[in-house]
PDB file of N, CA and C in Angstrom:
ATOM      1  N   MET A   1     229.654 -49.460  91.155  1.00  0.00           N
ATOM      2  CA  MET A   1     228.740 -48.840  92.091  1.00  0.00           C
ATOM      3  C   MET A   1     228.965 -47.323  92.074  1.00  0.00           C
ATOM      4  N   PRO A   2     227.897 -46.527  91.973  1.00  0.00           N
ATOM      5  CA  PRO A   2     228.071 -45.094  91.910  1.00  0.00           C
ATOM      6  C   PRO A   2     228.605 -44.532  93.218  1.00  0.00           C
ATOM      7  N   GLY A   3     229.471 -43.537  93.065  1.00  0.00           N
ATOM      8  CA  GLY A   3     229.993 -42.865  94.242  1.00  0.00           C
ATOM      9  C   GLY A   3     229.058 -41.761  94.683  1.00  0.00           C
ATOM     10  N   LEU A   4     229.397 -41.126  95.801  1.00  0.00           N
ATOM     11  CA  LEU A   4     228.581 -40.045  96.337  1.00  0.00           C
ATOM     12  C   LEU A   4     228.457 -38.912  95.333  1.00  0.00           C
ATOM     13  N   LYS A   5     229.532 -38.614  94.629  1.00  0.00           N
ATOM     14  CA  LYS A   5     229.513 -37.530  93.635  1.00  0.00           C
ATOM     15  C   LYS A   5     228.483 -37.828  92.546  1.00  0.00           C
ATOM     16  N   ASP A   6     228.386 -39.100  92.109  1.00  0.00           N
ATOM     17  CA  ASP A   6     227.418 -39.486  91.088  1.00  0.00           C
ATOM     18  C   ASP A   6     225.991 -39.299  91.580  1.00  0.00           C
ATOM     19  N   VAL A   7     225.748 -39.652  92.817  1.00  0.00           N
ATOM     20  CA  VAL A   7     224.411 -39.518  93.384  1.00  0.00           C
ATOM     21  C   VAL A   7     224.041 -38.041  93.492  1.00  0.00           C
ATOM     22  N   VAL A   8     224.970 -37.209  93.915  1.00  0.00           N
ATOM     23  CA  VAL A   8     224.710 -35.771  94.029  1.00  0.00           C
ATOM     24  C   VAL A   8     224.425 -35.188  92.649  1.00  0.00           C
ATOM     25  N   ASN A   9     225.155 -35.608  91.625  1.00  0.00           N
ATOM     26  CA  ASN A   9     224.940 -35.092  90.275  1.00  0.00           C
ATOM     27  C   ASN A   9     223.567 -35.475  89.736  1.00  0.00           C
ATOM     28  N   LEU A  10     223.032 -36.622  90.145  1.00  0.00           N
ATOM     29  CA  LEU A  10     221.705 -37.016  89.703  1.00  0.00           C
ATOM     30  C   LEU A  10     220.657 -36.008  90.144  1.00  0.00           C
ATOM     31  N   ALA A  11     220.858 -35.411  91.282  1.00  0.00           N
ATOM     32  CA  ALA A  11     219.907 -34.439  91.799  1.00  0.00           C
ATOM     33  C   ALA A  11     219.912 -33.154  90.976  1.00  0.00           C
ATOM     34  N   ARG A  12     220.924 -32.940  90.172  1.00  0.00           N
ATOM     35  CA  ARG A  12     221.034 -31.716  89.386  1.00  0.00           C
ATOM     36  C   ARG A  12     220.346 -31.804  88.031  1.00  0.00           C
ATOM     37  N   LEU A  13     219.704 -32.931  87.743  1.00  0.00           N
ATOM     38  CA  LEU A  13     218.978 -33.053  86.488  1.00  0.00           C
ATOM     39  C   LEU A  13     217.850 -32.030  86.454  1.00  0.00           C
ATOM     40  N   ALA A  14     217.467 -31.639  85.242  1.00  0.00           N
ATOM     41  CA  ALA A  14     216.321 -30.739  85.115  1.00  0.00           C
ATOM     42  C   ALA A  14     215.120 -31.393  85.785  1.00  0.00           C
ATOM     43  N   LYS A  15     214.357 -30.612  86.474  1.00  0.00           N
ATOM     44  CA  LYS A  15     213.177 -31.137  87.155  1.00  0.00           C
ATOM     45  C   LYS A  15     212.138 -31.554  86.120  1.00  0.00           C
ATOM     46  N   PRO A  16     211.327 -32.565  86.453  1.00  0.00           N
ATOM     47  CA  PRO A  16     210.240 -32.937  85.545  1.00  0.00           C
ATOM     48  C   PRO A  16     209.299 -31.742  85.356  1.00  0.00           C
ATOM     49  N   LEU A  17     208.555 -31.807  84.291  1.00  0.00           N
ATOM     50  CA  LEU A  17     207.621 -30.723  83.998  1.00  0.00           C
ATOM     51  C   LEU A  17     206.410 -30.770  84.916  1.00  0.00           C
ATOM     52  N   THR A  18     205.887 -29.618  85.216  1.00  0.00           N
ATOM     53  CA  THR A  18     204.610 -29.563  85.911  1.00  0.00           C
ATOM     54  C   THR A  18     203.521 -29.813  84.874  1.00  0.00           C
ATOM     55  N   TRP A  19     202.315 -30.099  85.350  1.00  0.00           N
ATOM     56  CA  TRP A  19     201.176 -30.304  84.451  1.00  0.00           C
ATOM     57  C   TRP A  19     201.003 -29.085  83.551  1.00  0.00           C
ATOM     58  N   GLU A  20     201.096 -27.889  84.135  1.00  0.00           N
ATOM     59  CA  GLU A  20     200.902 -26.656  83.377  1.00  0.00           C
ATOM     60  C   GLU A  20     201.973 -26.473  82.316  1.00  0.00           C
ATOM     61  N   GLU A  21     203.222 -26.775  82.645  1.00  0.00           N
ATOM     62  CA  GLU A  21     204.314 -26.646  81.669  1.00  0.00           C
ATOM     63  C   GLU A  21     204.120 -27.621  80.510  1.00  0.00           C
ATOM     64  N   GLY A  22     203.748 -28.858  80.826  1.00  0.00           N
ATOM     65  CA  GLY A  22     203.512 -29.852  79.787  1.00  0.00           C
ATOM     66  C   GLY A  22     202.355 -29.461  78.894  1.00  0.00           C
ATOM     67  N   LEU A  23     201.279 -29.007  79.486  1.00  0.00           N
ATOM     68  CA  LEU A  23     200.112 -28.588  78.721  1.00  0.00           C
ATOM     69  C   LEU A  23     200.463 -27.413  77.810  1.00  0.00           C
ATOM     70  N   SER A  24     201.289 -26.523  78.291  1.00  0.00           N
ATOM     71  CA  SER A  24     201.716 -25.382  77.485  1.00  0.00           C
ATOM     72  C   SER A  24     202.467 -25.841  76.232  1.00  0.00           C
ATOM     73  N   VAL A  25     203.343 -26.825  76.380  1.00  0.00           N
ATOM     74  CA  VAL A  25     204.086 -27.361  75.227  1.00  0.00           C
ATOM     75  C   VAL A  25     203.125 -28.042  74.258  1.00  0.00           C
ATOM     76  N   LEU A  26     202.213 -28.866  74.786  1.00  0.00           N
ATOM     77  CA  LEU A  26     201.250 -29.550  73.929  1.00  0.00           C
ATOM     78  C   LEU A  26     200.383 -28.546  73.169  1.00  0.00           C
ATOM     79  N   GLU A  27     199.940 -27.509  73.843  1.00  0.00           N
ATOM     80  CA  GLU A  27     199.136 -26.485  73.172  1.00  0.00           C
ATOM     81  C   GLU A  27     199.954 -25.747  72.116  1.00  0.00           C
ATOM     82  N   ARG A  28     201.193 -25.411  72.445  1.00  0.00           N
ATOM     83  CA  ARG A  28     202.067 -24.732  71.472  1.00  0.00           C
ATOM     84  C   ARG A  28     202.197 -25.554  70.197  1.00  0.00           C
ATOM     85  N   ASP A  29     202.362 -26.867  70.352  1.00  0.00           N
ATOM     86  CA  ASP A  29     202.542 -27.765  69.208  1.00  0.00           C
ATOM     87  C   ASP A  29     201.213 -28.302  68.683  1.00  0.00           C
ATOM     88  N   ARG A  30     200.107 -27.739  69.168  1.00  0.00           N
ATOM     89  CA  ARG A  30     198.757 -28.090  68.735  1.00  0.00           C
ATOM     90  C   ARG A  30     198.468 -29.590  68.876  1.00  0.00           C
ATOM     91  N   PHE A  31     198.991 -30.185  69.966  1.00  0.00           N
ATOM     92  CA  PHE A  31     198.769 -31.604  70.293  1.00  0.00           C
ATOM     93  C   PHE A  31     199.163 -32.516  69.135  1.00  0.00           C
ATOM     94  N   ARG A  32     200.193 -32.146  68.394  1.00  0.00           N
ATOM     95  CA  ARG A  32     200.663 -32.944  67.258  1.00  0.00           C
ATOM     96  C   ARG A  32     202.078 -33.429  67.561  1.00  0.00           C
ATOM     97  N   CYS A  33     202.294 -34.755  67.415  1.00  0.00           N
ATOM     98  CA  CYS A  33     203.626 -35.327  67.630  1.00  0.00           C
ATOM     99  C   CYS A  33     204.593 -34.686  66.640  1.00  0.00           C
ATOM    100  N   GLN A  34     205.654 -34.131  67.154  1.00  0.00           N
ATOM    101  CA  GLN A  34     206.628 -33.456  66.304  1.00  0.00           C
ATOM    102  C   GLN A  34     207.536 -34.437  65.577  1.00  0.00           C
ATOM    103  N   TYR A  35     207.433 -35.707  65.898  1.00  0.00           N
ATOM    104  CA  TYR A  35     208.215 -36.729  65.210  1.00  0.00           C
ATOM    105  C   TYR A  35     207.418 -37.364  64.065  1.00  0.00           C
ATOM    106  N   CYS A  36     206.277 -37.931  64.369  1.00  0.00           N
ATOM    107  CA  CYS A  36     205.522 -38.676  63.346  1.00  0.00           C
ATOM    108  C   CYS A  36     204.301 -37.928  62.823  1.00  0.00           C
ATOM    109  N   GLY A  37     203.899 -36.868  63.509  1.00  0.00           N
ATOM    110  CA  GLY A  37     202.760 -36.088  63.058  1.00  0.00           C
ATOM    111  C   GLY A  37     201.417 -36.534  63.590  1.00  0.00           C
ATOM    112  N   LEU A  38     201.370 -37.517  64.483  1.00  0.00           N
ATOM    113  CA  LEU A  38     200.102 -37.970  65.035  1.00  0.00           C
ATOM    114  C   LEU A  38     199.338 -36.777  65.599  1.00  0.00           C
ATOM    115  N   ASP A  39     198.084 -36.655  65.219  1.00  0.00           N
ATOM    116  CA  ASP A  39     197.254 -35.532  65.650  1.00  0.00           C
ATOM    117  C   ASP A  39     196.515 -35.898  66.930  1.00  0.00           C
ATOM    118  N   GLY A  40     196.923 -35.330  68.037  1.00  0.00           N
ATOM    119  CA  GLY A  40     196.310 -35.607  69.325  1.00  0.00           C
ATOM    120  C   GLY A  40     194.931 -35.014  69.471  1.00  0.00           C
ATOM    121  N   MET A  41     194.521 -34.151  68.549  1.00  0.00           N
ATOM    122  CA  MET A  41     193.179 -33.577  68.606  1.00  0.00           C
ATOM    123  C   MET A  41     192.200 -34.334  67.714  1.00  0.00           C
ATOM    124  N   ALA A  42     192.685 -35.303  66.944  1.00  0.00           N
ATOM    125  CA  ALA A  42     191.828 -36.044  66.014  1.00  0.00           C
ATOM    126  C   ALA A  42     190.890 -37.006  66.735  1.00  0.00           C
ATOM    127  N   SER A  43     191.333 -37.549  67.856  1.00  0.00           N
ATOM    128  CA  SER A  43     190.492 -38.477  68.607  1.00  0.00           C
ATOM    129  C   SER A  43     190.958 -38.516  70.059  1.00  0.00           C
ATOM    130  N   PHE A  44     190.080 -38.973  70.897  1.00  0.00           N
ATOM    131  CA  PHE A  44     190.415 -39.104  72.316  1.00  0.00           C
ATOM    132  C   PHE A  44     191.569 -40.088  72.503  1.00  0.00           C
ATOM    133  N   GLU A  45     191.566 -41.180  71.729  1.00  0.00           N
ATOM    134  CA  GLU A  45     192.637 -42.185  71.832  1.00  0.00           C
ATOM    135  C   GLU A  45     193.994 -41.566  71.488  1.00  0.00           C
ATOM    136  N   ASN A  46     194.026 -40.732  70.458  1.00  0.00           N
ATOM    137  CA  ASN A  46     195.282 -40.057  70.110  1.00  0.00           C
ATOM    138  C   ASN A  46     195.706 -39.107  71.233  1.00  0.00           C
ATOM    139  N   TYR A  47     194.743 -38.386  71.774  1.00  0.00           N
ATOM    140  CA  TYR A  47     195.027 -37.445  72.860  1.00  0.00           C
ATOM    141  C   TYR A  47     195.671 -38.171  74.045  1.00  0.00           C
ATOM    142  N   LEU A  48     195.174 -39.374  74.346  1.00  0.00           N
ATOM    143  CA  LEU A  48     195.673 -40.128  75.494  1.00  0.00           C
ATOM    144  C   LEU A  48     197.136 -40.536  75.365  1.00  0.00           C
ATOM    145  N   VAL A  49     197.652 -40.636  74.159  1.00  0.00           N
ATOM    146  CA  VAL A  49     199.039 -41.078  73.998  1.00  0.00           C
ATOM    147  C   VAL A  49     200.015 -39.916  73.826  1.00  0.00           C
ATOM    148  N   MET A  50     199.537 -38.694  73.987  1.00  0.00           N
ATOM    149  CA  MET A  50     200.432 -37.548  73.830  1.00  0.00           C
ATOM    150  C   MET A  50     201.249 -37.322  75.099  1.00  0.00           C
ATOM    151  N   SER A  51     202.491 -36.905  74.903  1.00  0.00           N
ATOM    152  CA  SER A  51     203.393 -36.606  76.009  1.00  0.00           C
ATOM    153  C   SER A  51     204.319 -35.480  75.568  1.00  0.00           C
ATOM    154  N   VAL A  52     205.239 -35.122  76.420  1.00  0.00           N
ATOM    155  CA  VAL A  52     206.230 -34.097  76.103  1.00  0.00           C
ATOM    156  C   VAL A  52     207.602 -34.752  76.165  1.00  0.00           C
ATOM    157  N   ASP A  53     208.415 -34.477  75.149  1.00  0.00           N
ATOM    158  CA  ASP A  53     209.752 -35.062  75.069  1.00  0.00           C
ATOM    159  C   ASP A  53     210.803 -33.983  75.280  1.00  0.00           C
ATOM    160  N   PHE A  54     211.828 -34.326  76.044  1.00  0.00           N
ATOM    161  CA  PHE A  54     213.019 -33.490  76.143  1.00  0.00           C
ATOM    162  C   PHE A  54     213.898 -33.874  74.959  1.00  0.00           C
ATOM    163  N   VAL A  55     214.121 -32.975  74.004  1.00  0.00           N
ATOM    164  CA  VAL A  55     214.953 -33.286  72.834  1.00  0.00           C
ATOM    165  C   VAL A  55     216.334 -33.713  73.314  1.00  0.00           C
ATOM    166  N   VAL A  56     216.958 -32.901  74.149  1.00  0.00           N
ATOM    167  CA  VAL A  56     218.177 -33.319  74.846  1.00  0.00           C
ATOM    168  C   VAL A  56     217.681 -33.839  76.185  1.00  0.00           C
ATOM    169  N   PRO A  57     217.821 -35.146  76.423  1.00  0.00           N
ATOM    170  CA  PRO A  57     217.237 -35.756  77.631  1.00  0.00           C
ATOM    171  C   PRO A  57     217.723 -35.109  78.920  1.00  0.00           C
ATOM    172  N   ARG A  58     216.872 -35.186  79.915  1.00  0.00           N
ATOM    173  CA  ARG A  58     217.243 -34.671  81.228  1.00  0.00           C
ATOM    174  C   ARG A  58     218.524 -35.325  81.716  1.00  0.00           C
ATOM    175  N   ALA A  59     218.671 -36.611  81.443  1.00  0.00           N
ATOM    176  CA  ALA A  59     219.871 -37.333  81.875  1.00  0.00           C
ATOM    177  C   ALA A  59     221.120 -36.806  81.182  1.00  0.00           C
ATOM    178  N   GLY A  60     220.942 -36.164  80.027  1.00  0.00           N
ATOM    179  CA  GLY A  60     222.070 -35.572  79.298  1.00  0.00           C
ATOM    180  C   GLY A  60     222.174 -34.087  79.532  1.00  0.00           C
ATOM    181  N   LYS A  61     221.658 -33.638  80.673  1.00  0.00           N
ATOM    182  CA  LYS A  61     221.684 -32.240  81.081  1.00  0.00           C
ATOM    183  C   LYS A  61     220.788 -31.354  80.229  1.00  0.00           C
ATOM    184  N   GLY A  62     219.757 -31.962  79.635  1.00  0.00           N
ATOM    185  CA  GLY A  62     218.789 -31.188  78.873  1.00  0.00           C
ATOM    186  C   GLY A  62     217.955 -30.326  79.804  1.00  0.00           C
ATOM    187  N   LYS A  63     217.765 -29.110  79.411  1.00  0.00           N
ATOM    188  CA  LYS A  63     216.999 -28.152  80.223  1.00  0.00           C
ATOM    189  C   LYS A  63     215.525 -28.209  79.853  1.00  0.00           C
ATOM    190  N   LYS A  64     214.700 -27.682  80.720  1.00  0.00           N
ATOM    191  CA  LYS A  64     213.278 -27.674  80.429  1.00  0.00           C
ATOM    192  C   LYS A  64     212.835 -26.348  79.839  1.00  0.00           C
ATOM    193  N   ASN A  65     213.681 -25.790  78.976  1.00  0.00           N
ATOM    194  CA  ASN A  65     213.281 -24.574  78.276  1.00  0.00           C
ATOM    195  C   ASN A  65     212.481 -24.949  77.030  1.00  0.00           C
ATOM    196  N   PRO A  66     211.614 -24.074  76.565  1.00  0.00           N
ATOM    197  CA  PRO A  66     210.717 -24.406  75.452  1.00  0.00           C
ATOM    198  C   PRO A  66     211.413 -24.928  74.197  1.00  0.00           C
ATOM    199  N   SER A  67     212.617 -24.467  73.915  1.00  0.00           N
ATOM    200  CA  SER A  67     213.299 -24.927  72.701  1.00  0.00           C
ATOM    201  C   SER A  67     213.777 -26.370  72.816  1.00  0.00           C
ATOM    202  N   ASN A  68     213.792 -26.932  74.026  1.00  0.00           N
ATOM    203  CA  ASN A  68     214.217 -28.314  74.228  1.00  0.00           C
ATOM    204  C   ASN A  68     213.038 -29.252  74.450  1.00  0.00           C
ATOM    205  N   LEU A  69     211.826 -28.738  74.377  1.00  0.00           N
ATOM    206  CA  LEU A  69     210.635 -29.534  74.649  1.00  0.00           C
ATOM    207  C   LEU A  69     209.741 -29.578  73.426  1.00  0.00           C
ATOM    208  N   VAL A  70     209.252 -30.783  73.102  1.00  0.00           N
ATOM    209  CA  VAL A  70     208.335 -30.944  71.975  1.00  0.00           C
ATOM    210  C   VAL A  70     207.223 -31.910  72.350  1.00  0.00           C
ATOM    211  N   ALA A  71     206.063 -31.718  71.726  1.00  0.00           N
ATOM    212  CA  ALA A  71     204.977 -32.680  71.869  1.00  0.00           C
ATOM    213  C   ALA A  71     205.386 -33.955  71.143  1.00  0.00           C
ATOM    214  N   ALA A  72     205.117 -35.084  71.759  1.00  0.00           N
ATOM    215  CA  ALA A  72     205.468 -36.371  71.149  1.00  0.00           C
ATOM    216  C   ALA A  72     204.466 -37.420  71.600  1.00  0.00           C
ATOM    217  N   CYS A  73     204.099 -38.309  70.676  1.00  0.00           N
ATOM    218  CA  CYS A  73     203.281 -39.442  71.095  1.00  0.00           C
ATOM    219  C   CYS A  73     204.198 -40.364  71.906  1.00  0.00           C
ATOM    220  N   ARG A  74     203.625 -41.150  72.763  1.00  0.00           N
ATOM    221  CA  ARG A  74     204.444 -42.026  73.611  1.00  0.00           C
ATOM    222  C   ARG A  74     205.282 -43.018  72.807  1.00  0.00           C
ATOM    223  N   PRO A  75     204.747 -43.594  71.705  1.00  0.00           N
ATOM    224  CA  PRO A  75     205.612 -44.498  70.938  1.00  0.00           C
ATOM    225  C   PRO A  75     206.874 -43.801  70.423  1.00  0.00           C
ATOM    226  N   CYS A  76     206.734 -42.599  69.875  1.00  0.00           N
ATOM    227  CA  CYS A  76     207.921 -41.884  69.379  1.00  0.00           C
ATOM    228  C   CYS A  76     208.843 -41.493  70.526  1.00  0.00           C
ATOM    229  N   ASN A  77     208.262 -41.048  71.622  1.00  0.00           N
ATOM    230  CA  ASN A  77     209.057 -40.670  72.786  1.00  0.00           C
ATOM    231  C   ASN A  77     209.868 -41.871  73.264  1.00  0.00           C
ATOM    232  N   ARG A  78     209.235 -43.025  73.279  1.00  0.00           N
ATOM    233  CA  ARG A  78     209.926 -44.248  73.723  1.00  0.00           C
ATOM    234  C   ARG A  78     211.017 -44.669  72.735  1.00  0.00           C
ATOM    235  N   LEU A  79     210.728 -44.549  71.430  1.00  0.00           N
ATOM    236  CA  LEU A  79     211.731 -44.905  70.424  1.00  0.00           C
ATOM    237  C   LEU A  79     212.966 -44.017  70.519  1.00  0.00           C
ATOM    238  N   LYS A  80     212.767 -42.760  70.807  1.00  0.00           N
ATOM    239  CA  LYS A  80     213.903 -41.851  70.951  1.00  0.00           C
ATOM    240  C   LYS A  80     214.664 -42.165  72.222  1.00  0.00           C
ATOM    241  N   GLY A  81     213.933 -42.441  73.279  1.00  0.00           N
ATOM    242  CA  GLY A  81     214.564 -42.813  74.535  1.00  0.00           C
ATOM    243  C   GLY A  81     215.468 -41.729  75.088  1.00  0.00           C
ATOM    244  N   ARG A  82     216.553 -42.139  75.665  1.00  0.00           N
ATOM    245  CA  ARG A  82     217.501 -41.203  76.285  1.00  0.00           C
ATOM    246  C   ARG A  82     218.677 -40.892  75.380  1.00  0.00           C
ATOM    247  N   ARG A  83     218.540 -41.250  74.116  1.00  0.00           N
ATOM    248  CA  ARG A  83     219.640 -40.980  73.196  1.00  0.00           C
ATOM    249  C   ARG A  83     219.845 -39.475  73.037  1.00  0.00           C
ATOM    250  N   ALA A  84     221.092 -39.084  72.914  1.00  0.00           N
ATOM    251  CA  ALA A  84     221.422 -37.670  72.719  1.00  0.00           C
ATOM    252  C   ALA A  84     221.709 -37.419  71.239  1.00  0.00           C
ATOM    253  N   PHE A  85     221.157 -36.352  70.733  1.00  0.00           N
ATOM    254  CA  PHE A  85     221.351 -35.952  69.342  1.00  0.00           C
ATOM    255  C   PHE A  85     221.835 -34.513  69.322  1.00  0.00           C
ATOM    256  N   HIS A  86     222.480 -34.128  68.225  1.00  0.00           N
ATOM    257  CA  HIS A  86     222.971 -32.759  68.107  1.00  0.00           C
ATOM    258  C   HIS A  86     221.843 -31.756  67.942  1.00  0.00           C
ATOM    259  N   ASN A  87     220.732 -32.207  67.347  1.00  0.00           N
ATOM    260  CA  ASN A  87     219.614 -31.298  67.127  1.00  0.00           C
ATOM    261  C   ASN A  87     218.328 -32.108  66.933  1.00  0.00           C
ATOM    262  N   PHE A  88     217.216 -31.382  66.856  1.00  0.00           N
ATOM    263  CA  PHE A  88     215.923 -32.035  66.712  1.00  0.00           C
ATOM    264  C   PHE A  88     215.830 -32.802  65.398  1.00  0.00           C
ATOM    265  N   ALA A  89     216.400 -32.273  64.323  1.00  0.00           N
ATOM    266  CA  ALA A  89     216.326 -32.948  63.017  1.00  0.00           C
ATOM    267  C   ALA A  89     216.944 -34.338  63.086  1.00  0.00           C
ATOM    268  N   GLU A  90     218.062 -34.486  63.777  1.00  0.00           N
ATOM    269  CA  GLU A  90     218.696 -35.804  63.933  1.00  0.00           C
ATOM    270  C   GLU A  90     217.813 -36.736  64.763  1.00  0.00           C
ATOM    271  N   ALA A  91     217.225 -36.206  65.819  1.00  0.00           N
ATOM    272  CA  ALA A  91     216.347 -37.014  66.662  1.00  0.00           C
ATOM    273  C   ALA A  91     215.143 -37.490  65.854  1.00  0.00           C
ATOM    274  N   LYS A  92     214.558 -36.589  65.083  1.00  0.00           N
ATOM    275  CA  LYS A  92     213.395 -36.948  64.271  1.00  0.00           C
ATOM    276  C   LYS A  92     213.755 -37.997  63.228  1.00  0.00           C
ATOM    277  N   ALA A  93     214.896 -37.845  62.579  1.00  0.00           N
ATOM    278  CA  ALA A  93     215.331 -38.824  61.577  1.00  0.00           C
ATOM    279  C   ALA A  93     215.493 -40.201  62.218  1.00  0.00           C
ATOM    280  N   HIS A  94     216.076 -40.243  63.399  1.00  0.00           N
ATOM    281  CA  HIS A  94     216.262 -41.516  64.111  1.00  0.00           C
ATOM    282  C   HIS A  94     214.906 -42.162  64.426  1.00  0.00           C
ATOM    283  N   VAL A  95     213.991 -41.377  64.975  1.00  0.00           N
ATOM    284  CA  VAL A  95     212.679 -41.910  65.354  1.00  0.00           C
ATOM    285  C   VAL A  95     211.943 -42.426  64.125  1.00  0.00           C
ATOM    286  N   LEU A  96     211.935 -41.655  63.049  1.00  0.00           N
ATOM    287  CA  LEU A  96     211.222 -42.085  61.835  1.00  0.00           C
ATOM    288  C   LEU A  96     211.841 -43.338  61.228  1.00  0.00           C
ATOM    289  N   LYS A  97     213.164 -43.455  61.294  1.00  0.00           N
ATOM    290  CA  LYS A  97     213.833 -44.664  60.791  1.00  0.00           C
ATOM    291  C   LYS A  97     213.434 -45.872  61.641  1.00  0.00           C
ATOM    292  N   GLN A  98     213.428 -45.700  62.957  1.00  0.00           N
ATOM    293  CA  GLN A  98     213.040 -46.789  63.856  1.00  0.00           C
ATOM    294  C   GLN A  98     211.594 -47.205  63.609  1.00  0.00           C
ATOM    295  N   ARG A  99     210.719 -46.219  63.418  1.00  0.00           N
ATOM    296  CA  ARG A  99     209.306 -46.526  63.151  1.00  0.00           C
ATOM    297  C   ARG A  99     209.172 -47.314  61.851  1.00  0.00           C
ATOM    298  N   ALA A 100     209.904 -46.899  60.818  1.00  0.00           N
ATOM    299  CA  ALA A 100     209.826 -47.588  59.526  1.00  0.00           C
ATOM    300  C   ALA A 100     210.308 -49.033  59.648  1.00  0.00           C
ATOM    301  N   GLU A 101     211.398 -49.246  60.377  1.00  0.00           N
ATOM    302  CA  GLU A 101     211.919 -50.607  60.567  1.00  0.00           C
ATOM    303  C   GLU A 101     210.926 -51.470  61.344  1.00  0.00           C
ATOM    304  N   LEU A 102     210.358 -50.914  62.401  1.00  0.00           N
ATOM    305  CA  LEU A 102     209.374 -51.669  63.185  1.00  0.00           C
ATOM    306  C   LEU A 102     208.128 -51.959  62.364  1.00  0.00           C
ATOM    307  N   HIS A 103     207.715 -51.016  61.545  1.00  0.00           N
ATOM    308  CA  HIS A 103     206.545 -51.225  60.696  1.00  0.00           C
ATOM    309  C   HIS A 103     206.798 -52.353  59.704  1.00  0.00           C
ATOM    310  N   GLN A 104     207.983 -52.365  59.133  1.00  0.00           N
ATOM    311  CA  GLN A 104     208.339 -53.419  58.181  1.00  0.00           C
ATOM    312  C   GLN A 104     208.341 -54.786  58.876  1.00  0.00           C
ATOM    313  N   GLN A 105     208.905 -54.858  60.065  1.00  0.00           N
ATOM    314  CA  GLN A 105     208.915 -56.116  60.822  1.00  0.00           C
ATOM    315  C   GLN A 105     207.491 -56.554  61.151  1.00  0.00           C
ATOM    316  N   TRP A 106     206.653 -55.615  61.538  1.00  0.00           N
ATOM    317  CA  TRP A 106     205.266 -55.922  61.857  1.00  0.00           C
ATOM    318  C   TRP A 106     204.542 -56.447  60.627  1.00  0.00           C
ATOM    319  N   GLU A 107     204.733 -55.789  59.483  1.00  0.00           N
ATOM    320  CA  GLU A 107     204.093 -56.232  58.242  1.00  0.00           C
ATOM    321  C   GLU A 107     204.492 -57.669  57.922  1.00  0.00           C
ATOM    322  N   SER A 108     205.765 -57.973  58.080  1.00  0.00           N
ATOM    323  CA  SER A 108     206.261 -59.311  57.798  1.00  0.00           C
ATOM    324  C   SER A 108     205.632 -60.343  58.735  1.00  0.00           C
ATOM    325  N   ARG A 109     205.588 -60.027  60.024  1.00  0.00           N
ATOM    326  CA  ARG A 109     204.989 -60.952  60.993  1.00  0.00           C
ATOM    327  C   ARG A 109     203.508 -61.157  60.717  1.00  0.00           C
ATOM    328  N   MET A 110     202.822 -60.084  60.402  1.00  0.00           N
ATOM    329  CA  MET A 110     201.378 -60.196  60.151  1.00  0.00           C
ATOM    330  C   MET A 110     201.107 -60.997  58.877  1.00  0.00           C
ATOM    331  N   ALA A 111     201.942 -60.820  57.863  1.00  0.00           N
ATOM    332  CA  ALA A 111     201.762 -61.581  56.626  1.00  0.00           C
ATOM    333  C   ALA A 111     201.941 -63.070  56.899  1.00  0.00           C
ATOM    334  N   LYS A 112     202.939 -63.427  57.718  1.00  0.00           N
ATOM    335  CA  LYS A 112     203.160 -64.829  58.075  1.00  0.00           C
ATOM    336  C   LYS A 112     201.989 -65.363  58.884  1.00  0.00           C
ATOM    337  N   SER A 113     201.510 -64.574  59.828  1.00  0.00           N
ATOM    338  CA  SER A 113     200.375 -65.010  60.660  1.00  0.00           C
ATOM    339  C   SER A 113     199.116 -65.181  59.824  1.00  0.00           C
ATOM    340  N   ARG A 114     198.885 -64.269  58.917  1.00  0.00           N
ATOM    341  CA  ARG A 114     197.710 -64.373  58.060  1.00  0.00           C
ATOM    342  C   ARG A 114     197.806 -65.615  57.166  1.00  0.00           C
ATOM    343  N   GLY A 115     199.016 -65.884  56.700  1.00  0.00           N
ATOM    344  CA  GLY A 115     199.230 -67.069  55.850  1.00  0.00           C
ATOM    345  C   GLY A 115     198.982 -68.348  56.625  1.00  0.00           C
ATOM    346  N   LYS A 116     199.400 -68.401  57.883  1.00  0.00           N
ATOM    347  CA  LYS A 116     199.179 -69.592  58.706  1.00  0.00           C
ATOM    348  C   LYS A 116     197.704 -69.786  58.997  1.00  0.00           C
ATOM    349  N   SER A 117     197.001 -68.709  59.287  1.00  0.00           N
ATOM    350  CA  SER A 117     195.591 -68.865  59.614  1.00  0.00           C
ATOM    351  C   SER A 117     194.762 -69.224  58.390  1.00  0.00           C
ATOM    352  N   ALA A 118     195.229 -68.878  57.199  1.00  0.00           N
ATOM    353  CA  ALA A 118     194.507 -69.214  55.960  1.00  0.00           C
ATOM    354  C   ALA A 118     194.651 -70.697  55.629  1.00  0.00           C
ATOM    355  N   THR A 119     195.752 -71.317  56.075  1.00  0.00           N
ATOM    356  CA  THR A 119     195.980 -72.730  55.745  1.00  0.00           C
ATOM    357  C   THR A 119     195.420 -73.679  56.805  1.00  0.00           C
ATOM    358  N   VAL A 120     194.972 -73.141  57.928  1.00  0.00           N
ATOM    359  CA  VAL A 120     194.454 -73.991  59.015  1.00  0.00           C
ATOM    360  C   VAL A 120     193.016 -74.353  58.785  1.00  0.00           C
TER     361      VAL A 120
END
C-alpha cells in the first residue's frame, strides 16, 4: 500500500498537456507519427488517431518540454506505454519491433482464418 510520501510524489508528475500545447506538437511534427510514420493529414481517420507522446513518460519524471514530446498515433503510443528509454531512437526501435511482431501474428491468424473459411 502506498505511503503518504508516495501519494505526494504522484502530484509532482508533469501536468498533462493543454489542447494548445498538444496541437503545437502535432503541428510541429506535421501530424505524422514519429514512430511509424502514419500521416495524420492523409485522411480524417488518420487524424482521429493522432496523439502526443511523452518520450520519457510523465510517470518517469518526463517533462512536458518540446524535446520530450512527439506526435504519435494511438497504436504506437500504446505500444510504447510507460516504458522508459534512454532516448527517442531506442523508443522508436522498441515500437517498430512490437508492431512487426504484432503484424506477423495478425498475418498468421488471418491466414488460418482464411483457410478455415475456404474449407467450409
